[in-house]
Protein backbone atom coordinates (compact mmCIF):
# COMPACT_ATOMS: atom_id res chain seq x y z
CA MET A 1 51.32 -239.66 49.39
CA VAL A 2 51.96 -243.09 48.02
CA ASP A 3 55.18 -244.96 48.08
CA ASN A 4 55.51 -245.34 44.31
CA GLY A 5 54.51 -241.76 43.41
CA ALA A 6 56.31 -239.95 40.69
CA VAL A 7 58.59 -236.86 40.96
CA VAL A 8 58.62 -233.97 38.66
CA TYR A 9 61.89 -232.06 38.29
CA VAL A 10 61.68 -228.53 37.20
CA VAL A 11 64.78 -227.36 35.49
CA SER A 12 65.15 -223.65 34.75
CA ASP A 13 67.71 -221.05 33.79
CA SER A 14 65.93 -218.47 36.16
CA ILE A 15 63.98 -219.33 39.43
CA GLY A 16 61.71 -221.84 37.69
CA GLU A 17 58.42 -220.21 38.71
CA THR A 18 56.71 -220.42 35.42
CA ALA A 19 57.31 -224.11 34.97
CA GLU A 20 56.49 -224.88 38.64
CA LYS A 21 53.02 -223.29 38.17
CA VAL A 22 52.38 -225.20 35.08
CA VAL A 23 53.32 -228.51 36.79
CA MET A 24 51.24 -227.79 39.85
CA ALA A 25 48.17 -227.03 37.70
CA ALA A 26 48.74 -230.43 36.04
CA ALA A 27 49.70 -232.43 39.02
CA ILE A 28 46.66 -231.65 40.97
CA GLN A 29 44.70 -233.60 38.51
CA TYR A 30 46.54 -236.81 39.73
CA ASN A 31 45.85 -236.36 43.40
CA SER A 32 48.65 -237.94 45.47
CA HIS A 33 50.33 -239.81 42.60
CA ILE A 34 52.70 -236.88 42.08
CA THR A 35 54.62 -236.99 45.38
CA GLU A 36 57.08 -234.10 44.89
CA ILE A 37 58.05 -231.18 42.68
CA LYS A 38 61.65 -230.46 42.86
CA LYS A 39 63.20 -227.21 41.39
CA GLU A 40 66.64 -227.04 39.86
CA PRO A 41 66.92 -223.27 39.30
CA TYR A 42 69.57 -221.08 37.71
CA VAL A 43 70.93 -223.83 35.43
CA THR A 44 73.36 -222.01 33.17
CA ASP A 45 75.89 -224.59 31.98
CA GLN A 46 76.12 -228.04 30.58
CA SER A 47 77.78 -229.60 33.60
CA GLN A 48 74.76 -228.67 35.72
CA ILE A 49 72.42 -230.43 33.31
CA LYS A 50 74.57 -233.62 33.18
CA ARG A 51 74.74 -233.71 36.98
CA ILE A 52 70.93 -233.32 37.29
CA VAL A 53 70.25 -236.08 34.75
CA GLN A 54 72.69 -238.40 36.49
CA ASP A 55 71.09 -237.84 39.78
CA VAL A 56 67.52 -238.59 38.60
CA LYS A 57 68.12 -241.36 35.83
CA ASP A 58 67.05 -244.06 38.28
CA VAL A 59 64.07 -242.23 39.64
CA LYS A 60 60.46 -242.39 38.26
CA CYS A 61 60.21 -238.91 37.19
CA VAL A 62 59.65 -236.27 34.43
CA ILE A 63 61.88 -233.26 33.86
CA VAL A 64 59.89 -230.22 32.91
CA TYR A 65 62.17 -227.25 31.81
CA THR A 66 62.22 -223.63 30.79
CA LEU A 67 65.59 -223.02 29.11
CA VAL A 68 65.85 -220.36 26.57
CA VAL A 69 69.47 -220.92 25.55
CA PRO A 70 69.26 -223.44 22.58
CA GLU A 71 72.58 -225.16 23.49
CA LEU A 72 71.39 -225.94 27.03
CA LYS A 73 68.16 -227.18 25.74
CA LYS A 74 69.80 -229.55 23.27
CA ILE A 75 72.13 -230.96 25.98
CA LEU A 76 69.09 -231.51 28.29
CA GLU A 77 67.02 -233.24 25.63
CA GLU A 78 69.91 -235.42 24.55
CA GLU A 79 70.73 -236.52 28.23
CA CYS A 80 67.01 -237.21 28.96
CA ASP A 81 66.68 -239.26 25.70
CA LYS A 82 69.79 -241.14 26.58
CA TYR A 83 68.11 -242.58 29.78
CA ASN A 84 64.50 -242.55 28.56
CA ILE A 85 63.60 -239.86 30.90
CA PRO A 86 60.31 -238.13 29.83
CA ARG A 87 60.77 -234.47 29.26
CA VAL A 88 58.56 -231.36 28.63
CA ASP A 89 59.57 -228.09 27.16
CA ILE A 90 57.29 -225.41 28.56
CA LEU A 91 58.54 -222.42 26.51
CA GLY A 92 59.72 -223.95 23.19
CA PRO A 93 56.30 -224.60 21.64
CA ILE A 94 55.04 -221.03 22.58
CA MET A 95 58.20 -219.40 21.32
CA ASP A 96 58.17 -221.44 18.00
CA ALA A 97 54.52 -220.29 17.49
CA LEU A 98 55.32 -216.63 18.21
CA ALA A 99 58.31 -216.83 15.87
CA LYS A 100 55.78 -217.37 13.01
CA ILE A 101 54.02 -214.12 13.62
CA VAL A 102 56.72 -211.90 15.16
CA PRO A 103 59.46 -210.48 12.86
CA ALA A 104 62.03 -209.88 15.59
CA SER A 105 64.34 -212.52 17.05
CA PRO A 106 63.88 -213.57 20.69
CA LYS A 107 66.37 -212.19 23.19
CA LEU A 108 67.15 -215.63 24.53
CA GLU A 109 67.88 -214.10 27.88
CA ALA A 110 66.96 -215.85 31.16
CA GLY A 111 64.88 -214.38 33.81
CA LEU A 112 63.35 -211.56 31.77
CA ILE A 113 59.91 -211.98 33.40
CA ARG A 114 61.40 -211.58 36.84
CA LYS A 115 63.30 -208.42 35.73
CA LEU A 116 60.04 -207.07 34.22
CA ASP A 117 58.20 -207.75 37.53
CA GLU A 118 61.05 -206.01 39.46
CA ARG A 119 60.75 -202.99 37.22
CA TYR A 120 56.91 -202.94 37.57
CA PHE A 121 56.94 -203.00 41.39
CA LYS A 122 59.72 -200.44 41.49
CA ARG A 123 57.61 -198.08 39.43
CA VAL A 124 54.56 -198.79 41.57
CA GLU A 125 56.64 -197.99 44.69
CA ALA A 126 57.79 -194.76 43.13
CA ILE A 127 54.31 -193.65 42.15
CA GLU A 128 53.06 -194.32 45.76
CA PHE A 129 56.01 -192.33 47.02
CA ALA A 130 55.18 -189.34 44.89
CA VAL A 131 51.54 -189.40 46.12
CA LYS A 132 52.60 -189.71 49.73
CA TYR A 133 55.10 -187.00 49.58
CA ASP A 134 53.29 -184.56 47.25
CA ASP A 135 52.97 -180.84 48.04
CA GLY A 136 55.10 -181.04 51.16
CA LYS A 137 52.65 -183.29 53.02
CA ASP A 138 55.46 -185.02 54.92
CA PRO A 139 59.01 -183.51 54.98
CA ARG A 140 60.45 -186.78 55.93
CA GLY A 141 60.10 -187.81 52.31
CA ILE A 142 62.70 -185.32 51.34
CA LEU A 143 65.40 -187.37 52.92
CA LYS A 144 64.35 -190.57 51.14
CA ALA A 145 63.78 -189.01 47.74
CA ASP A 146 65.89 -189.42 44.56
CA VAL A 147 64.93 -185.86 43.69
CA VAL A 148 63.07 -183.04 45.34
CA LEU A 149 61.18 -180.46 43.34
CA VAL A 150 60.70 -176.94 44.83
CA GLY A 151 58.81 -173.95 43.42
CA VAL A 152 55.79 -171.76 43.79
CA SER A 153 52.32 -173.00 43.09
CA ARG A 154 51.44 -173.91 39.51
CA THR A 155 55.03 -174.69 38.38
CA SER A 156 54.09 -178.26 37.45
CA LYS A 157 55.57 -179.89 40.51
CA THR A 158 52.92 -182.51 40.99
CA PRO A 159 52.57 -183.75 37.26
CA LEU A 160 56.37 -183.70 36.99
CA SER A 161 56.61 -185.91 40.23
CA MET A 162 54.17 -188.32 38.67
CA TYR A 163 55.86 -188.42 35.33
CA LEU A 164 59.28 -189.00 36.93
CA ALA A 165 57.74 -191.65 39.25
CA ASN A 166 56.74 -193.51 36.01
CA LYS A 167 60.47 -193.46 35.21
CA ASN A 168 61.14 -195.04 38.55
CA TYR A 169 62.32 -191.91 40.31
CA LYS A 170 61.14 -191.35 44.00
CA VAL A 171 60.18 -187.74 43.91
CA ALA A 172 58.99 -185.41 46.75
CA ASN A 173 57.90 -181.85 45.97
CA VAL A 174 57.69 -178.84 48.19
CA PRO A 175 55.74 -175.61 47.56
CA LEU A 176 57.63 -172.43 48.35
CA ILE A 177 55.24 -170.04 50.13
CA PRO A 178 56.48 -166.74 51.75
CA GLU A 179 54.40 -167.34 54.81
CA VAL A 180 55.70 -170.88 55.34
CA PRO A 181 59.46 -171.44 56.04
CA PRO A 182 60.89 -174.30 53.88
CA PRO A 183 61.36 -177.53 55.78
CA GLY A 184 64.83 -178.03 57.25
CA GLU A 185 65.23 -181.29 55.57
CA LEU A 186 65.95 -179.34 52.35
CA TYR A 187 69.23 -178.30 53.77
CA GLN A 188 70.12 -181.82 54.93
CA ILE A 189 70.33 -183.43 51.43
CA PRO A 190 72.89 -182.89 48.60
CA LYS A 191 71.96 -179.88 46.47
CA LYS A 192 72.28 -182.12 43.41
CA LYS A 193 69.10 -183.82 44.44
CA ILE A 194 67.06 -180.67 44.42
CA ILE A 195 65.59 -178.97 41.38
CA GLY A 196 64.05 -175.51 41.50
CA LEU A 197 61.18 -174.75 39.13
CA THR A 198 60.00 -171.28 38.12
CA ALA A 199 58.06 -169.66 35.47
CA GLN A 200 57.30 -166.22 34.02
CA PRO A 201 54.99 -164.05 35.96
CA THR A 202 52.57 -163.50 33.09
CA GLU A 203 52.33 -167.17 32.53
CA LEU A 204 51.68 -167.89 36.27
CA ASN A 205 49.08 -165.15 36.29
CA HIS A 206 47.17 -166.87 33.30
CA ILE A 207 47.47 -170.37 34.72
CA ARG A 208 46.32 -169.38 38.17
CA LYS A 209 43.30 -167.38 36.86
CA GLU A 210 42.27 -170.38 34.81
CA ARG A 211 42.72 -172.59 37.91
CA LEU A 212 40.49 -170.36 39.95
CA LYS A 213 37.88 -170.44 37.26
CA THR A 214 37.76 -174.14 37.10
CA LEU A 215 37.25 -174.16 40.91
CA GLY A 216 34.37 -171.81 40.48
CA LEU A 217 36.33 -168.94 42.32
CA ASP A 218 36.97 -165.39 41.51
CA GLY A 219 39.80 -165.14 38.91
CA GLU A 220 40.85 -161.73 40.53
CA ALA A 221 41.67 -163.36 43.91
CA ASN A 222 44.92 -162.51 45.53
CA TYR A 223 46.31 -166.02 44.58
CA ALA A 224 46.28 -164.94 40.92
CA SER A 225 47.23 -161.28 41.36
CA MET A 226 50.46 -160.14 39.73
CA GLU A 227 51.63 -158.53 42.94
CA ARG A 228 51.38 -161.81 44.74
CA ILE A 229 52.92 -163.85 42.12
CA LEU A 230 56.00 -161.41 42.00
CA GLN A 231 56.27 -161.71 45.81
CA GLU A 232 56.20 -165.47 45.70
CA LEU A 233 58.74 -165.59 42.77
CA GLU A 234 61.17 -163.33 44.60
CA TYR A 235 60.87 -165.48 47.71
CA SER A 236 61.33 -168.65 45.69
CA GLU A 237 64.41 -167.33 43.99
CA ASN A 238 65.98 -166.41 47.33
CA ILE A 239 65.34 -169.97 48.71
CA ILE A 240 66.66 -171.56 45.56
CA LYS A 241 69.76 -169.50 45.72
CA LYS A 242 70.33 -170.45 49.35
CA LEU A 243 69.90 -174.11 48.39
CA GLY A 244 72.36 -173.70 45.60
CA CYS A 245 70.42 -176.09 43.29
CA PRO A 246 69.72 -175.98 39.55
CA VAL A 247 66.61 -174.06 38.41
CA ILE A 248 64.35 -174.68 35.33
CA ASP A 249 61.98 -172.25 33.91
CA VAL A 250 58.96 -174.33 32.97
CA THR A 251 57.27 -171.52 31.00
CA ARG A 252 55.55 -173.15 27.94
CA LYS A 253 57.55 -176.33 28.48
CA ALA A 254 55.76 -179.69 28.02
CA ILE A 255 55.96 -182.03 31.17
CA GLU A 256 57.99 -184.43 29.08
CA GLU A 257 60.51 -181.74 28.05
CA THR A 258 61.07 -180.56 31.67
CA ALA A 259 61.26 -184.09 32.96
CA SER A 260 63.95 -184.87 30.34
CA ILE A 261 65.99 -181.92 31.56
CA ILE A 262 65.73 -183.08 35.07
CA ILE A 263 66.77 -186.60 34.26
CA GLU A 264 69.77 -185.32 32.45
CA ILE A 265 70.72 -183.23 35.43
CA LEU A 266 70.46 -186.22 37.74
CA LYS A 267 72.46 -188.33 35.50
CA GLY A 268 75.23 -185.85 35.35
CA ALA A 269 75.19 -185.27 39.09
């Protein structure tokens, strides 16, 4: 650092991360002559802008800003010009260029990229959750889930879990098998968080036979027999009645259609 180095002030109506990264990329070219980068985040009114400019008007500095509200930009520019403070608008030129090719008007809403990042990471978290707690792998997920899907094999539990995860729902799913008692955790959560899935026996028979063929197995195995399917469906129906949860017949329904019904149920719960 040098005694007479310059300071860059980053003024933003959000956290200022975008402008800060741009400044850092440029400042590194000047070695130690840029002594400090100071952030002024969440600037949302004119009084803040005037206070910032008053504080820095006697400092050797540049103000770099990302302000999407036109009125705030105008005030900052006028105040900087009044005291001959160099200023750089990071977003303005890009938004002006985009306006020439995009028919829609900009939202002019602060912090959108941060909100987008938050939504992205929430979706990734939900997808990881669905994978971790798929097919009853770990019953502890039942207590953490936004929704738990229960039903016999081949009632679309896994694809529905992944689809709903992409809608930011944390989903666990539990297969209902006559030989395996359902996990006790199912009875510890509100019934409004559980969705039972079922299908018509003939449809399950067809789906299971096709599934066995893709695995190179005998399509007449017990898994696909009508007797076994009816046994499983009866068992599943009894469990779902005990749980007191809504039930959806997924026969010939697209994943999107069933997911839409589930979301409506959750919203109304």
